[in-house]
């Protein structure tokens, strides 16, 4: 699941494992279902999710494309 938590300037992206809900749009990426709640779609359109490992650390990144 990809979505947002919070609102305004304090909104953060969320990424995790979940089951499909009735309010979700489902996208298949390389045979992996990705669930996005319909009310979060406008916030995650054009967002690229990646995983990076640097000397400062490692983790997921969210970039507007």
C-alpha atoms as a PDB file:
ATOM      1  CA  UNK A   1       0.000   0.000   0.000  1.00  0.00           C
ATOM      2  CA  UNK A   2       1.142   3.488  -0.865  1.00  0.00           C
ATOM      3  CA  UNK A   3      -0.561   6.548   0.544  1.00  0.00           C
ATOM      4  CA  UNK A   4      -0.241   9.650   2.675  1.00  0.00           C
ATOM      5  CA  UNK A   5      -0.632  10.236   6.381  1.00  0.00           C
ATOM      6  CA  UNK A   6      -1.424  13.556   7.986  1.00  0.00           C
ATOM      7  CA  UNK A   7      -2.230  16.698   6.076  1.00  0.00           C
ATOM      8  CA  UNK A   8      -1.051  20.121   5.088  1.00  0.00           C
ATOM      9  CA  UNK A   9       2.676  20.734   5.615  1.00  0.00           C
ATOM     10  CA  UNK A  10       2.888  17.724   7.941  1.00  0.00           C
ATOM     11  CA  UNK A  11       1.829  15.099   5.380  1.00  0.00           C
ATOM     12  CA  UNK A  12       4.156  12.132   4.935  1.00  0.00           C
ATOM     13  CA  UNK A  13       4.130   9.263   2.491  1.00  0.00           C
ATOM     14  CA  UNK A  14       3.457   5.780   3.785  1.00  0.00           C
ATOM     15  CA  UNK A  15       4.500   2.451   2.339  1.00  0.00           C
ATOM     16  CA  UNK A  16       3.586  -0.929   3.758  1.00  0.00           C
ATOM     17  CA  UNK A  17       1.962  -4.307   3.370  1.00  0.00           C
ATOM     18  CA  UNK A  18      -1.820  -4.497   3.486  1.00  0.00           C
ATOM     19  CA  UNK A  19      -4.867  -6.233   2.085  1.00  0.00           C
ATOM     20  CA  UNK A  20      -7.146  -4.770  -0.554  1.00  0.00           C
ATOM     21  CA  UNK A  21     -10.021  -2.600   0.685  1.00  0.00           C
ATOM     22  CA  UNK A  22     -13.208  -1.642  -1.138  1.00  0.00           C
ATOM     23  CA  UNK A  23     -12.024   1.983  -1.498  1.00  0.00           C
ATOM     24  CA  UNK A  24      -8.756   1.012  -3.247  1.00  0.00           C
ATOM     25  CA  UNK A  25      -7.480   1.350  -6.775  1.00  0.00           C
ATOM     26  CA  UNK A  26      -5.263  -1.639  -7.587  1.00  0.00           C
ATOM     27  CA  UNK A  27      -2.226  -1.465  -9.873  1.00  0.00           C
ATOM     28  CA  UNK A  28      -0.065  -4.438 -10.840  1.00  0.00           C
ATOM     29  CA  UNK A  29       3.677  -3.742 -10.986  1.00  0.00           C
ATOM     30  CA  UNK A  30       5.706  -6.770 -12.084  1.00  0.00           C
ATOM     31  CA  UNK A  31       2.975  -9.113 -10.735  1.00  0.00           C
ATOM     32  CA  UNK A  32       2.881  -7.300  -7.364  1.00  0.00           C
ATOM     33  CA  UNK A  33      -0.430  -5.637  -6.449  1.00  0.00           C
ATOM     34  CA  UNK A  34      -0.109  -2.032  -5.261  1.00  0.00           C
ATOM     35  CA  UNK A  35      -3.096  -0.662  -3.342  1.00  0.00           C
ATOM     36  CA  UNK A  36      -3.872   3.054  -3.218  1.00  0.00           C
ATOM     37  CA  UNK A  37      -6.949   4.407  -1.475  1.00  0.00           C
ATOM     38  CA  UNK A  38      -8.923   6.488  -3.985  1.00  0.00           C
ATOM     39  CA  UNK A  39      -8.764   9.553  -1.710  1.00  0.00           C
ATOM     40  CA  UNK A  40      -4.926   9.367  -1.740  1.00  0.00           C
ATOM     41  CA  UNK A  41      -4.560   9.134  -5.529  1.00  0.00           C
ATOM     42  CA  UNK A  42      -4.233  12.884  -6.100  1.00  0.00           C
ATOM     43  CA  UNK A  43      -1.282  12.993  -3.679  1.00  0.00           C
ATOM     44  CA  UNK A  44       0.687  10.079  -5.145  1.00  0.00           C
ATOM     45  CA  UNK A  45       0.238  10.778  -8.864  1.00  0.00           C
ATOM     46  CA  UNK A  46       3.679  11.316 -10.453  1.00  0.00           C
ATOM     47  CA  UNK A  47       5.494  10.046  -7.341  1.00  0.00           C
ATOM     48  CA  UNK A  48       8.379   7.649  -7.959  1.00  0.00           C
ATOM     49  CA  UNK A  49       9.215   5.221  -5.146  1.00  0.00           C
ATOM     50  CA  UNK A  50      12.776   3.915  -5.007  1.00  0.00           C
ATOM     51  CA  UNK A  51      15.160   2.307  -2.532  1.00  0.00           C
ATOM     52  CA  UNK A  52      18.585   3.859  -1.975  1.00  0.00           C
ATOM     53  CA  UNK A  53      21.683   2.827  -0.066  1.00  0.00           C
ATOM     54  CA  UNK A  54      24.150   5.630   0.667  1.00  0.00           C
ATOM     55  CA  UNK A  55      26.862   6.247   3.226  1.00  0.00           C
ATOM     56  CA  UNK A  56      24.305   8.202   5.274  1.00  0.00           C
ATOM     57  CA  UNK A  57      21.903   5.260   5.381  1.00  0.00           C
ATOM     58  CA  UNK A  58      19.394   3.341   3.365  1.00  0.00           C
ATOM     59  CA  UNK A  59      15.677   3.515   2.809  1.00  0.00           C
ATOM     60  CA  UNK A  60      12.819   4.314   0.498  1.00  0.00           C
ATOM     61  CA  UNK A  61      12.660   7.634  -1.302  1.00  0.00           C
ATOM     62  CA  UNK A  62       9.625   9.401  -2.769  1.00  0.00           C
ATOM     63  CA  UNK A  63      10.372  11.749  -5.666  1.00  0.00           C
ATOM     64  CA  UNK A  64       8.012  13.900  -7.730  1.00  0.00           C
ATOM     65  CA  UNK A  65       8.623  13.178 -11.424  1.00  0.00           C
END
